[in-house]
């Protein structure tokens, strides 16, 4: 994926980065279902993108193969004028947009996946920053609920949420790591199928990271969150797995010169391999029978998708 990654990186590492330049590339590569919507927030504007890449047996062509959603989660690509250049927080968008270009080129060569893939993210070269412990986070021109509204599609049967997750001391690994599966307020066991794919793609033992109930609750409830990687899980019934771009040390989201393209390329290849297998019904994000049993035993946990009892945003 290096060719596609470098092409997209050159376009995003700019004060003029926007959704239309990425849309133009995809249109040139015969991908017609590309939407760009500019949204104004209290702290600026951003371009939301939704790219639907049809599979040979997917819903877009009248089939029934499952659809994988791949979300690039971030506050912004840049923190201009405070910081010049592409920030670490932009890794999620860079990953998924590079995936979209790779899948488009694969389709031209006749390598079409079975299931549809829906890729969403947003492009903002001048996002604000905000305090966070142990290192500063990137802010966003729009709130998290607006992000979820634009980045989650009802046709997504499962979601990979890709996000730079370097501003912590929980993950001490440079590369990428995956989270347990989150579904409707439950933190479930880590998918064995995704672990298998990860070690095949990396040639190493798989790396995972822990999450807490605070992490899967909505932003704005005054609880500590590792970051926003699992925020899509508060707005969907589909299973969500975080794909974290990681570092050995705590790196600020607003840090420039901190994006490692080798790590992003490997994470992107992992997502593509997951999309291949998921569309064939050969990659399970969770055990449906076990999930049914846990709900029967302990009840619904959807309250963790809300702001809780009497809480206000």
C-alpha atoms as a PDB file:
ATOM      1  CA  UNK A   1       0.000   0.000   0.000  1.00  0.00           C
ATOM      2  CA  UNK A   2       2.979   2.377   0.036  1.00  0.00           C
ATOM      3  CA  UNK A   3       2.224   3.882  -3.364  1.00  0.00           C
ATOM      4  CA  UNK A   4      -1.331   4.763  -2.371  1.00  0.00           C
ATOM      5  CA  UNK A   5      -0.252   5.891   1.089  1.00  0.00           C
ATOM      6  CA  UNK A   6       2.340   8.321  -0.261  1.00  0.00           C
ATOM      7  CA  UNK A   7      -0.108   9.685  -2.810  1.00  0.00           C
ATOM      8  CA  UNK A   8      -2.724  10.419  -0.156  1.00  0.00           C
ATOM      9  CA  UNK A   9      -0.189  11.714   2.373  1.00  0.00           C
ATOM     10  CA  UNK A  10       1.061  14.333  -0.093  1.00  0.00           C
ATOM     11  CA  UNK A  11      -2.486  15.648  -0.465  1.00  0.00           C
ATOM     12  CA  UNK A  12      -3.344  15.636   3.238  1.00  0.00           C
ATOM     13  CA  UNK A  13      -0.076  17.204   4.437  1.00  0.00           C
ATOM     14  CA  UNK A  14      -1.234  20.640   3.310  1.00  0.00           C
ATOM     15  CA  UNK A  15      -2.975  23.691   4.688  1.00  0.00           C
ATOM     16  CA  UNK A  16      -5.294  23.335   1.685  1.00  0.00           C
ATOM     17  CA  UNK A  17      -6.293  19.710   2.340  1.00  0.00           C
ATOM     18  CA  UNK A  18      -9.972  19.031   1.665  1.00  0.00           C
ATOM     19  CA  UNK A  19     -12.353  16.287   0.692  1.00  0.00           C
ATOM     20  CA  UNK A  20     -12.704  17.253  -2.950  1.00  0.00           C
ATOM     21  CA  UNK A  21      -9.070  16.461  -3.813  1.00  0.00           C
ATOM     22  CA  UNK A  22      -9.488  12.911  -2.480  1.00  0.00           C
ATOM     23  CA  UNK A  23     -12.830  12.581  -4.259  1.00  0.00           C
ATOM     24  CA  UNK A  24     -11.178  13.532  -7.551  1.00  0.00           C
ATOM     25  CA  UNK A  25      -8.608  10.729  -7.182  1.00  0.00           C
ATOM     26  CA  UNK A  26     -11.309   8.154  -6.512  1.00  0.00           C
ATOM     27  CA  UNK A  27     -13.454   9.323  -9.410  1.00  0.00           C
ATOM     28  CA  UNK A  28     -10.438   8.890 -11.686  1.00  0.00           C
ATOM     29  CA  UNK A  29     -10.220   5.303 -10.416  1.00  0.00           C
ATOM     30  CA  UNK A  30     -13.851   4.493 -11.309  1.00  0.00           C
ATOM     31  CA  UNK A  31     -15.250   4.831  -7.788  1.00  0.00           C
ATOM     32  CA  UNK A  32     -18.494   6.740  -8.272  1.00  0.00           C
ATOM     33  CA  UNK A  33     -20.101   6.537  -4.832  1.00  0.00           C
ATOM     34  CA  UNK A  34     -18.019   9.188  -3.076  1.00  0.00           C
ATOM     35  CA  UNK A  35     -19.687  11.838  -0.946  1.00  0.00           C
ATOM     36  CA  UNK A  36     -18.134  14.964   0.533  1.00  0.00           C
ATOM     37  CA  UNK A  37     -20.051  17.206   2.937  1.00  0.00           C
ATOM     38  CA  UNK A  38     -18.596  20.311   4.538  1.00  0.00           C
ATOM     39  CA  UNK A  39     -19.842  20.820   8.084  1.00  0.00           C
ATOM     40  CA  UNK A  40     -19.382  23.975  10.139  1.00  0.00           C
ATOM     41  CA  UNK A  41     -18.881  23.665  13.889  1.00  0.00           C
ATOM     42  CA  UNK A  42     -18.278  26.017  16.781  1.00  0.00           C
ATOM     43  CA  UNK A  43     -14.520  25.741  16.272  1.00  0.00           C
ATOM     44  CA  UNK A  44     -14.200  25.687  12.495  1.00  0.00           C
ATOM     45  CA  UNK A  45     -15.164  23.481   9.570  1.00  0.00           C
ATOM     46  CA  UNK A  46     -14.338  20.044   8.226  1.00  0.00           C
ATOM     47  CA  UNK A  47     -15.113  17.872   5.196  1.00  0.00           C
ATOM     48  CA  UNK A  48     -16.803  14.569   5.978  1.00  0.00           C
ATOM     49  CA  UNK A  49     -16.216  11.814   3.446  1.00  0.00           C
ATOM     50  CA  UNK A  50     -18.165   8.623   2.792  1.00  0.00           C
ATOM     51  CA  UNK A  51     -16.822   6.202   0.200  1.00  0.00           C
ATOM     52  CA  UNK A  52     -18.856   3.132  -0.734  1.00  0.00           C
ATOM     53  CA  UNK A  53     -16.840   0.500  -2.583  1.00  0.00           C
ATOM     54  CA  UNK A  54     -19.137  -2.201  -3.994  1.00  0.00           C
ATOM     55  CA  UNK A  55     -18.356  -5.886  -3.618  1.00  0.00           C
ATOM     56  CA  UNK A  56     -19.228  -8.522  -6.168  1.00  0.00           C
ATOM     57  CA  UNK A  57     -21.846 -10.024  -3.826  1.00  0.00           C
ATOM     58  CA  UNK A  58     -22.562  -6.957  -1.697  1.00  0.00           C
ATOM     59  CA  UNK A  59     -25.758  -5.080  -0.932  1.00  0.00           C
ATOM     60  CA  UNK A  60     -24.939  -2.336  -3.433  1.00  0.00           C
ATOM     61  CA  UNK A  61     -25.330  -4.913  -6.216  1.00  0.00           C
ATOM     62  CA  UNK A  62     -28.331  -6.678  -4.717  1.00  0.00           C
ATOM     63  CA  UNK A  63     -26.356  -9.376  -2.917  1.00  0.00           C
ATOM     64  CA  UNK A  64     -26.291 -10.386   0.726  1.00  0.00           C
ATOM     65  CA  UNK A  65     -22.581 -10.433   1.588  1.00  0.00           C
ATOM     66  CA  UNK A  66     -21.900  -8.497   4.807  1.00  0.00           C
ATOM     67  CA  UNK A  67     -20.620  -4.923   4.701  1.00  0.00           C
ATOM     68  CA  UNK A  68     -17.551  -3.794   6.617  1.00  0.00           C
ATOM     69  CA  UNK A  69     -17.296  -0.203   7.783  1.00  0.00           C
ATOM     70  CA  UNK A  70     -13.812   1.293   8.181  1.00  0.00           C
ATOM     71  CA  UNK A  71     -13.833   4.608  10.033  1.00  0.00           C
ATOM     72  CA  UNK A  72     -10.855   6.933  10.253  1.00  0.00           C
ATOM     73  CA  UNK A  73     -11.323   8.612  13.625  1.00  0.00           C
ATOM     74  CA  UNK A  74      -9.526  11.889  14.414  1.00  0.00           C
ATOM     75  CA  UNK A  75      -9.891  15.451  15.589  1.00  0.00           C
ATOM     76  CA  UNK A  76      -7.959  16.947  12.689  1.00  0.00           C
ATOM     77  CA  UNK A  77      -5.132  16.466  10.214  1.00  0.00           C
ATOM     78  CA  UNK A  78      -3.429  19.641  11.323  1.00  0.00           C
ATOM     79  CA  UNK A  79      -3.454  22.184  14.152  1.00  0.00           C
ATOM     80  CA  UNK A  80      -2.771  25.279  12.088  1.00  0.00           C
ATOM     81  CA  UNK A  81      -1.785  27.991  12.841  1.00  0.00           C
ATOM     82  CA  UNK A  82      -0.469  26.637  16.161  1.00  0.00           C
ATOM     83  CA  UNK A  83       1.417  23.792  14.454  1.00  0.00           C
ATOM     84  CA  UNK A  84       2.637  23.538  10.868  1.00  0.00           C
ATOM     85  CA  UNK A  85       2.301  20.188   9.145  1.00  0.00           C
ATOM     86  CA  UNK A  86       0.472  16.871   9.410  1.00  0.00           C
ATOM     87  CA  UNK A  87      -0.202  15.902  13.035  1.00  0.00           C
ATOM     88  CA  UNK A  88      -0.081  12.464  14.614  1.00  0.00           C
ATOM     89  CA  UNK A  89      -3.841  12.608  15.156  1.00  0.00           C
ATOM     90  CA  UNK A  90      -4.381  12.445  11.398  1.00  0.00           C
ATOM     91  CA  UNK A  91      -3.126   8.851  11.124  1.00  0.00           C
ATOM     92  CA  UNK A  92      -6.653   7.426  11.147  1.00  0.00           C
ATOM     93  CA  UNK A  93      -7.819   9.471   8.176  1.00  0.00           C
ATOM     94  CA  UNK A  94      -4.586   8.812   6.298  1.00  0.00           C
ATOM     95  CA  UNK A  95      -4.985   5.064   6.825  1.00  0.00           C
ATOM     96  CA  UNK A  96      -8.579   4.722   5.664  1.00  0.00           C
ATOM     97  CA  UNK A  97      -8.293   7.088   2.693  1.00  0.00           C
ATOM     98  CA  UNK A  98      -5.226   5.153   1.510  1.00  0.00           C
ATOM     99  CA  UNK A  99      -7.292   1.973   1.872  1.00  0.00           C
ATOM    100  CA  UNK A 100     -10.008   3.475  -0.327  1.00  0.00           C
ATOM    101  CA  UNK A 101      -7.491   4.257  -3.090  1.00  0.00           C
ATOM    102  CA  UNK A 102      -5.957   0.770  -2.819  1.00  0.00           C
ATOM    103  CA  UNK A 103      -9.357  -0.942  -3.038  1.00  0.00           C
ATOM    104  CA  UNK A 104     -10.262   1.225  -6.028  1.00  0.00           C
ATOM    105  CA  UNK A 105      -7.082   0.202  -7.831  1.00  0.00           C
ATOM    106  CA  UNK A 106      -7.634  -3.451  -6.922  1.00  0.00           C
ATOM    107  CA  UNK A 107     -11.097  -3.272  -8.502  1.00  0.00           C
ATOM    108  CA  UNK A 108      -9.621  -1.872 -11.714  1.00  0.00           C
ATOM    109  CA  UNK A 109      -7.309  -4.904 -11.811  1.00  0.00           C
ATOM    110  CA  UNK A 110     -10.254  -7.254 -11.350  1.00  0.00           C
ATOM    111  CA  UNK A 111      -9.693  -7.978  -7.642  1.00  0.00           C
ATOM    112  CA  UNK A 112     -13.137  -7.133  -6.257  1.00  0.00           C
ATOM    113  CA  UNK A 113     -14.015  -8.095  -2.690  1.00  0.00           C
ATOM    114  CA  UNK A 114     -17.172 -10.119  -2.004  1.00  0.00           C
ATOM    115  CA  UNK A 115     -18.763  -7.639   0.392  1.00  0.00           C
ATOM    116  CA  UNK A 116     -19.175  -3.896   0.195  1.00  0.00           C
ATOM    117  CA  UNK A 117     -16.754  -1.688   2.123  1.00  0.00           C
ATOM    118  CA  UNK A 118     -17.879   1.694   3.463  1.00  0.00           C
ATOM    119  CA  UNK A 119     -15.052   4.056   4.387  1.00  0.00           C
ATOM    120  CA  UNK A 120     -15.723   7.257   6.316  1.00  0.00           C
ATOM    121  CA  UNK A 121     -13.627   9.976   7.918  1.00  0.00           C
ATOM    122  CA  UNK A 122     -13.244  13.749   7.895  1.00  0.00           C
ATOM    123  CA  UNK A 123     -10.582  16.166   6.682  1.00  0.00           C
ATOM    124  CA  UNK A 124      -9.682  19.251   8.712  1.00  0.00           C
ATOM    125  CA  UNK A 125      -6.215  20.838   8.324  1.00  0.00           C
ATOM    126  CA  UNK A 126      -6.721  23.436  11.068  1.00  0.00           C
ATOM    127  CA  UNK A 127      -8.354  21.787  14.085  1.00  0.00           C
ATOM    128  CA  UNK A 128      -7.988  23.132  17.638  1.00  0.00           C
ATOM    129  CA  UNK A 129      -6.061  21.426  20.452  1.00  0.00           C
ATOM    130  CA  UNK A 130      -7.157  20.707  24.013  1.00  0.00           C
ATOM    131  CA  UNK A 131      -5.501  19.714  27.306  1.00  0.00           C
ATOM    132  CA  UNK A 132      -5.281  16.013  28.205  1.00  0.00           C
ATOM    133  CA  UNK A 133      -3.145  13.886  30.523  1.00  0.00           C
ATOM    134  CA  UNK A 134      -0.407  12.697  29.888  1.00  0.00           C
ATOM    135  CA  UNK A 135      -0.087  14.693  26.619  1.00  0.00           C
ATOM    136  CA  UNK A 136      -2.322  17.191  24.793  1.00  0.00           C
ATOM    137  CA  UNK A 137      -5.093  15.911  22.525  1.00  0.00           C
ATOM    138  CA  UNK A 138      -6.320  17.321  19.266  1.00  0.00           C
ATOM    139  CA  UNK A 139      -9.722  18.916  19.454  1.00  0.00           C
ATOM    140  CA  UNK A 140     -12.198  19.021  16.593  1.00  0.00           C
ATOM    141  CA  UNK A 141     -14.296  21.668  14.866  1.00  0.00           C
ATOM    142  CA  UNK A 142     -17.385  19.483  15.460  1.00  0.00           C
ATOM    143  CA  UNK A 143     -18.571  17.395  18.418  1.00  0.00           C
ATOM    144  CA  UNK A 144     -18.409  13.617  18.674  1.00  0.00           C
ATOM    145  CA  UNK A 145     -22.107  13.099  18.021  1.00  0.00           C
ATOM    146  CA  UNK A 146     -21.824  15.006  14.749  1.00  0.00           C
ATOM    147  CA  UNK A 147     -18.897  12.770  13.817  1.00  0.00           C
ATOM    148  CA  UNK A 148     -20.889   9.634  14.566  1.00  0.00           C
ATOM    149  CA  UNK A 149     -23.844  10.947  12.595  1.00  0.00           C
ATOM    150  CA  UNK A 150     -21.708  11.401   9.483  1.00  0.00           C
ATOM    151  CA  UNK A 151     -19.304   8.483   9.892  1.00  0.00           C
ATOM    152  CA  UNK A 152     -21.637   5.617  10.806  1.00  0.00           C
ATOM    153  CA  UNK A 153     -23.790   4.058   8.103  1.00  0.00           C
ATOM    154  CA  UNK A 154     -26.707   1.753   8.868  1.00  0.00           C
ATOM    155  CA  UNK A 155     -25.426  -0.721   6.268  1.00  0.00           C
ATOM    156  CA  UNK A 156     -22.227  -1.352   8.254  1.00  0.00           C
ATOM    157  CA  UNK A 157     -22.501  -4.876   9.685  1.00  0.00           C
ATOM    158  CA  UNK A 158     -19.235  -4.478  11.597  1.00  0.00           C
ATOM    159  CA  UNK A 159     -16.811  -1.600  12.068  1.00  0.00           C
ATOM    160  CA  UNK A 160     -13.062  -1.163  12.292  1.00  0.00           C
ATOM    161  CA  UNK A 161     -12.338   2.194  13.932  1.00  0.00           C
ATOM    162  CA  UNK A 162      -8.825   3.355  13.046  1.00  0.00           C
ATOM    163  CA  UNK A 163      -7.274   6.022  15.253  1.00  0.00           C
ATOM    164  CA  UNK A 164      -3.867   7.232  16.382  1.00  0.00           C
ATOM    165  CA  UNK A 165      -3.676   6.068  20.012  1.00  0.00           C
ATOM    166  CA  UNK A 166      -0.299   7.335  21.146  1.00  0.00           C
ATOM    167  CA  UNK A 167      -1.180   9.844  23.855  1.00  0.00           C
ATOM    168  CA  UNK A 168      -1.136   7.365  26.723  1.00  0.00           C
ATOM    169  CA  UNK A 169       1.046   5.031  28.793  1.00  0.00           C
ATOM    170  CA  UNK A 170      -1.284   2.047  28.392  1.00  0.00           C
ATOM    171  CA  UNK A 171       0.045   0.865  25.024  1.00  0.00           C
ATOM    172  CA  UNK A 172       3.835   0.522  24.893  1.00  0.00           C
ATOM    173  CA  UNK A 173       4.218  -0.841  21.379  1.00  0.00           C
ATOM    174  CA  UNK A 174       5.153   0.871  18.136  1.00  0.00           C
ATOM    175  CA  UNK A 175       2.984  -0.269  15.248  1.00  0.00           C
ATOM    176  CA  UNK A 176      -0.690  -1.023  15.684  1.00  0.00           C
ATOM    177  CA  UNK A 177      -2.873  -2.879  18.154  1.00  0.00           C
ATOM    178  CA  UNK A 178      -6.489  -4.027  18.215  1.00  0.00           C
ATOM    179  CA  UNK A 179      -9.099  -3.787  20.946  1.00  0.00           C
ATOM    180  CA  UNK A 180     -11.662  -6.249  22.241  1.00  0.00           C
ATOM    181  CA  UNK A 181     -14.941  -6.173  20.342  1.00  0.00           C
ATOM    182  CA  UNK A 182     -17.508  -3.709  21.686  1.00  0.00           C
ATOM    183  CA  UNK A 183     -21.207  -4.259  21.041  1.00  0.00           C
ATOM    184  CA  UNK A 184     -24.112  -2.346  22.575  1.00  0.00           C
ATOM    185  CA  UNK A 185     -22.351  -1.610  25.852  1.00  0.00           C
ATOM    186  CA  UNK A 186     -20.596  -4.964  26.231  1.00  0.00           C
ATOM    187  CA  UNK A 187     -16.833  -5.374  26.023  1.00  0.00           C
ATOM    188  CA  UNK A 188     -16.535  -8.841  24.493  1.00  0.00           C
ATOM    189  CA  UNK A 189     -13.573 -11.158  23.994  1.00  0.00           C
ATOM    190  CA  UNK A 190     -11.040 -10.275  21.320  1.00  0.00           C
ATOM    191  CA  UNK A 191     -11.855 -11.780  17.932  1.00  0.00           C
ATOM    192  CA  UNK A 192      -9.714 -14.838  17.242  1.00  0.00           C
ATOM    193  CA  UNK A 193     -10.181 -14.319  13.502  1.00  0.00           C
ATOM    194  CA  UNK A 194      -8.784 -10.785  13.709  1.00  0.00           C
ATOM    195  CA  UNK A 195      -5.868 -12.024  15.812  1.00  0.00           C
ATOM    196  CA  UNK A 196      -5.085 -14.600  13.121  1.00  0.00           C
ATOM    197  CA  UNK A 197      -5.182 -11.940  10.404  1.00  0.00           C
ATOM    198  CA  UNK A 198      -3.006  -9.591  12.426  1.00  0.00           C
ATOM    199  CA  UNK A 199      -0.204 -12.089  12.914  1.00  0.00           C
ATOM    200  CA  UNK A 200      -0.373 -13.098   9.243  1.00  0.00           C
ATOM    201  CA  UNK A 201      -0.100  -9.477   8.081  1.00  0.00           C
ATOM    202  CA  UNK A 202       2.614  -8.420  10.545  1.00  0.00           C
ATOM    203  CA  UNK A 203       4.568 -11.673  10.748  1.00  0.00           C
ATOM    204  CA  UNK A 204       4.585 -11.177  14.514  1.00  0.00           C
ATOM    205  CA  UNK A 205       2.512 -12.155  17.510  1.00  0.00           C
ATOM    206  CA  UNK A 206      -0.691 -10.080  17.650  1.00  0.00           C
ATOM    207  CA  UNK A 207      -0.801  -7.013  19.891  1.00  0.00           C
ATOM    208  CA  UNK A 208      -3.945  -5.937  21.737  1.00  0.00           C
ATOM    209  CA  UNK A 209      -4.822  -3.152  24.136  1.00  0.00           C
ATOM    210  CA  UNK A 210      -7.129  -2.985  27.174  1.00  0.00           C
ATOM    211  CA  UNK A 211     -10.230  -0.839  27.317  1.00  0.00           C
ATOM    212  CA  UNK A 212     -12.599   0.113  30.123  1.00  0.00           C
ATOM    213  CA  UNK A 213     -16.278   0.925  30.425  1.00  0.00           C
ATOM    214  CA  UNK A 214     -15.311   4.593  30.550  1.00  0.00           C
ATOM    215  CA  UNK A 215     -13.716   4.264  27.113  1.00  0.00           C
ATOM    216  CA  UNK A 216     -16.912   2.947  25.506  1.00  0.00           C
ATOM    217  CA  UNK A 217     -19.195   5.553  27.090  1.00  0.00           C
ATOM    218  CA  UNK A 218     -20.020   8.762  25.173  1.00  0.00           C
ATOM    219  CA  UNK A 219     -17.672  11.716  25.201  1.00  0.00           C
ATOM    220  CA  UNK A 220     -19.010  14.599  27.255  1.00  0.00           C
ATOM    221  CA  UNK A 221     -19.964  12.630  30.384  1.00  0.00           C
ATOM    222  CA  UNK A 222     -16.957  13.905  32.389  1.00  0.00           C
ATOM    223  CA  UNK A 223     -15.340  10.460  32.513  1.00  0.00           C
ATOM    224  CA  UNK A 224     -11.773   9.722  31.418  1.00  0.00           C
ATOM    225  CA  UNK A 225     -11.420   8.212  27.946  1.00  0.00           C
ATOM    226  CA  UNK A 226      -8.284   6.645  26.475  1.00  0.00           C
ATOM    227  CA  UNK A 227      -9.272   8.510  23.285  1.00  0.00           C
ATOM    228  CA  UNK A 228     -12.146   8.516  20.796  1.00  0.00           C
ATOM    229  CA  UNK A 229     -11.276   5.247  19.062  1.00  0.00           C
ATOM    230  CA  UNK A 230     -14.369   3.450  20.371  1.00  0.00           C
ATOM    231  CA  UNK A 231     -16.817   6.334  20.176  1.00  0.00           C
ATOM    232  CA  UNK A 232     -18.508   4.785  17.099  1.00  0.00           C
ATOM    233  CA  UNK A 233     -19.709   2.019  19.447  1.00  0.00           C
ATOM    234  CA  UNK A 234     -22.059   4.428  21.247  1.00  0.00           C
ATOM    235  CA  UNK A 235     -24.052   5.040  18.063  1.00  0.00           C
ATOM    236  CA  UNK A 236     -24.503   1.624  16.461  1.00  0.00           C
ATOM    237  CA  UNK A 237     -25.672  -1.909  17.196  1.00  0.00           C
ATOM    238  CA  UNK A 238     -22.876  -3.277  14.982  1.00  0.00           C
ATOM    239  CA  UNK A 239     -19.767  -4.752  16.640  1.00  0.00           C
ATOM    240  CA  UNK A 240     -16.845  -2.322  16.740  1.00  0.00           C
ATOM    241  CA  UNK A 241     -13.127  -3.071  17.006  1.00  0.00           C
ATOM    242  CA  UNK A 242     -10.517  -0.375  17.493  1.00  0.00           C
ATOM    243  CA  UNK A 243      -7.413  -0.440  15.292  1.00  0.00           C
ATOM    244  CA  UNK A 244      -4.954   1.755  17.158  1.00  0.00           C
ATOM    245  CA  UNK A 245      -1.864   3.265  15.525  1.00  0.00           C
ATOM    246  CA  UNK A 246       0.539   3.134  18.452  1.00  0.00           C
ATOM    247  CA  UNK A 247       3.916   4.200  19.835  1.00  0.00           C
ATOM    248  CA  UNK A 248       6.180   3.021  22.647  1.00  0.00           C
ATOM    249  CA  UNK A 249       6.039   6.423  24.359  1.00  0.00           C
ATOM    250  CA  UNK A 250       3.306   8.986  24.863  1.00  0.00           C
ATOM    251  CA  UNK A 251       3.122  11.178  21.752  1.00  0.00           C
ATOM    252  CA  UNK A 252       0.834  14.243  21.614  1.00  0.00           C
ATOM    253  CA  UNK A 253      -1.968  14.071  19.081  1.00  0.00           C
ATOM    254  CA  UNK A 254      -0.943  17.556  17.988  1.00  0.00           C
ATOM    255  CA  UNK A 255       2.672  16.484  17.452  1.00  0.00           C
ATOM    256  CA  UNK A 256       4.032  16.954  13.931  1.00  0.00           C
ATOM    257  CA  UNK A 257       6.649  14.736  12.303  1.00  0.00           C
ATOM    258  CA  UNK A 258       5.232  11.878  14.382  1.00  0.00           C
ATOM    259  CA  UNK A 259       3.412   9.819  11.733  1.00  0.00           C
ATOM    260  CA  UNK A 260       5.230   6.602  10.847  1.00  0.00           C
ATOM    261  CA  UNK A 261       4.141   5.541   7.382  1.00  0.00           C
ATOM    262  CA  UNK A 262       5.452   1.995   7.796  1.00  0.00           C
ATOM    263  CA  UNK A 263       3.095   1.436  10.752  1.00  0.00           C
ATOM    264  CA  UNK A 264       0.171   3.032   8.910  1.00  0.00           C
ATOM    265  CA  UNK A 265       0.785   0.849   5.856  1.00  0.00           C
ATOM    266  CA  UNK A 266       0.700  -2.340   7.911  1.00  0.00           C
ATOM    267  CA  UNK A 267      -2.492  -1.261   9.691  1.00  0.00           C
ATOM    268  CA  UNK A 268      -4.047  -0.505   6.319  1.00  0.00           C
ATOM    269  CA  UNK A 269      -3.151  -3.934   4.944  1.00  0.00           C
ATOM    270  CA  UNK A 270      -4.680  -5.518   8.028  1.00  0.00           C
ATOM    271  CA  UNK A 271      -7.957  -3.677   7.423  1.00  0.00           C
ATOM    272  CA  UNK A 272      -8.015  -4.779   3.786  1.00  0.00           C
ATOM    273  CA  UNK A 273      -7.426  -8.414   4.732  1.00  0.00           C
ATOM    274  CA  UNK A 274     -10.210  -8.164   7.320  1.00  0.00           C
ATOM    275  CA  UNK A 275     -12.516  -6.746   4.645  1.00  0.00           C
ATOM    276  CA  UNK A 276     -11.707  -9.628   2.302  1.00  0.00           C
ATOM    277  CA  UNK A 277     -12.522 -12.273   4.893  1.00  0.00           C
ATOM    278  CA  UNK A 278     -15.500 -10.483   6.448  1.00  0.00           C
ATOM    279  CA  UNK A 279     -17.212 -10.239   3.062  1.00  0.00           C
ATOM    280  CA  UNK A 280     -16.835 -14.013   2.715  1.00  0.00           C
ATOM    281  CA  UNK A 281     -18.347 -14.587   6.188  1.00  0.00           C
ATOM    282  CA  UNK A 282     -14.990 -15.980   7.281  1.00  0.00           C
ATOM    283  CA  UNK A 283     -14.092 -13.317   9.859  1.00  0.00           C
ATOM    284  CA  UNK A 284     -16.250 -13.082  12.962  1.00  0.00           C
ATOM    285  CA  UNK A 285     -15.991 -10.023  15.160  1.00  0.00           C
ATOM    286  CA  UNK A 286     -17.838 -11.823  17.977  1.00  0.00           C
ATOM    287  CA  UNK A 287     -19.536 -15.110  18.853  1.00  0.00           C
ATOM    288  CA  UNK A 288     -23.260 -14.533  18.275  1.00  0.00           C
ATOM    289  CA  UNK A 289     -24.347 -17.449  20.462  1.00  0.00           C
ATOM    290  CA  UNK A 290     -22.171 -16.337  23.354  1.00  0.00           C
ATOM    291  CA  UNK A 291     -23.420 -12.768  22.985  1.00  0.00           C
ATOM    292  CA  UNK A 292     -27.029 -13.961  23.131  1.00  0.00           C
ATOM    293  CA  UNK A 293     -26.233 -15.928  26.259  1.00  0.00           C
ATOM    294  CA  UNK A 294     -24.496 -13.057  28.025  1.00  0.00           C
ATOM    295  CA  UNK A 295     -27.476 -10.779  27.313  1.00  0.00           C
ATOM    296  CA  UNK A 296     -29.850 -13.477  28.576  1.00  0.00           C
ATOM    297  CA  UNK A 297     -27.825 -13.881  31.759  1.00  0.00           C
ATOM    298  CA  UNK A 298     -27.055 -10.252  32.533  1.00  0.00           C
ATOM    299  CA  UNK A 299     -29.431  -8.138  30.479  1.00  0.00           C
ATOM    300  CA  UNK A 300     -28.891  -5.294  28.063  1.00  0.00           C
ATOM    301  CA  UNK A 301     -25.951  -2.917  28.556  1.00  0.00           C
ATOM    302  CA  UNK A 302     -27.091  -0.275  26.105  1.00  0.00           C
ATOM    303  CA  UNK A 303     -27.144   2.285  28.923  1.00  0.00           C
ATOM    304  CA  UNK A 304     -23.391   2.621  28.329  1.00  0.00           C
ATOM    305  CA  UNK A 305     -24.265   4.009  24.892  1.00  0.00           C
ATOM    306  CA  UNK A 306     -26.080   6.889  26.627  1.00  0.00           C
ATOM    307  CA  UNK A 307     -25.156   9.682  29.015  1.00  0.00           C
ATOM    308  CA  UNK A 308     -26.533   7.684  31.947  1.00  0.00           C
ATOM    309  CA  UNK A 309     -29.016   8.401  34.720  1.00  0.00           C
ATOM    310  CA  UNK A 310     -29.862  12.083  34.841  1.00  0.00           C
ATOM    311  CA  UNK A 311     -26.602  13.049  33.200  1.00  0.00           C
ATOM    312  CA  UNK A 312     -26.497  15.946  30.803  1.00  0.00           C
ATOM    313  CA  UNK A 313     -24.038  16.400  28.029  1.00  0.00           C
END
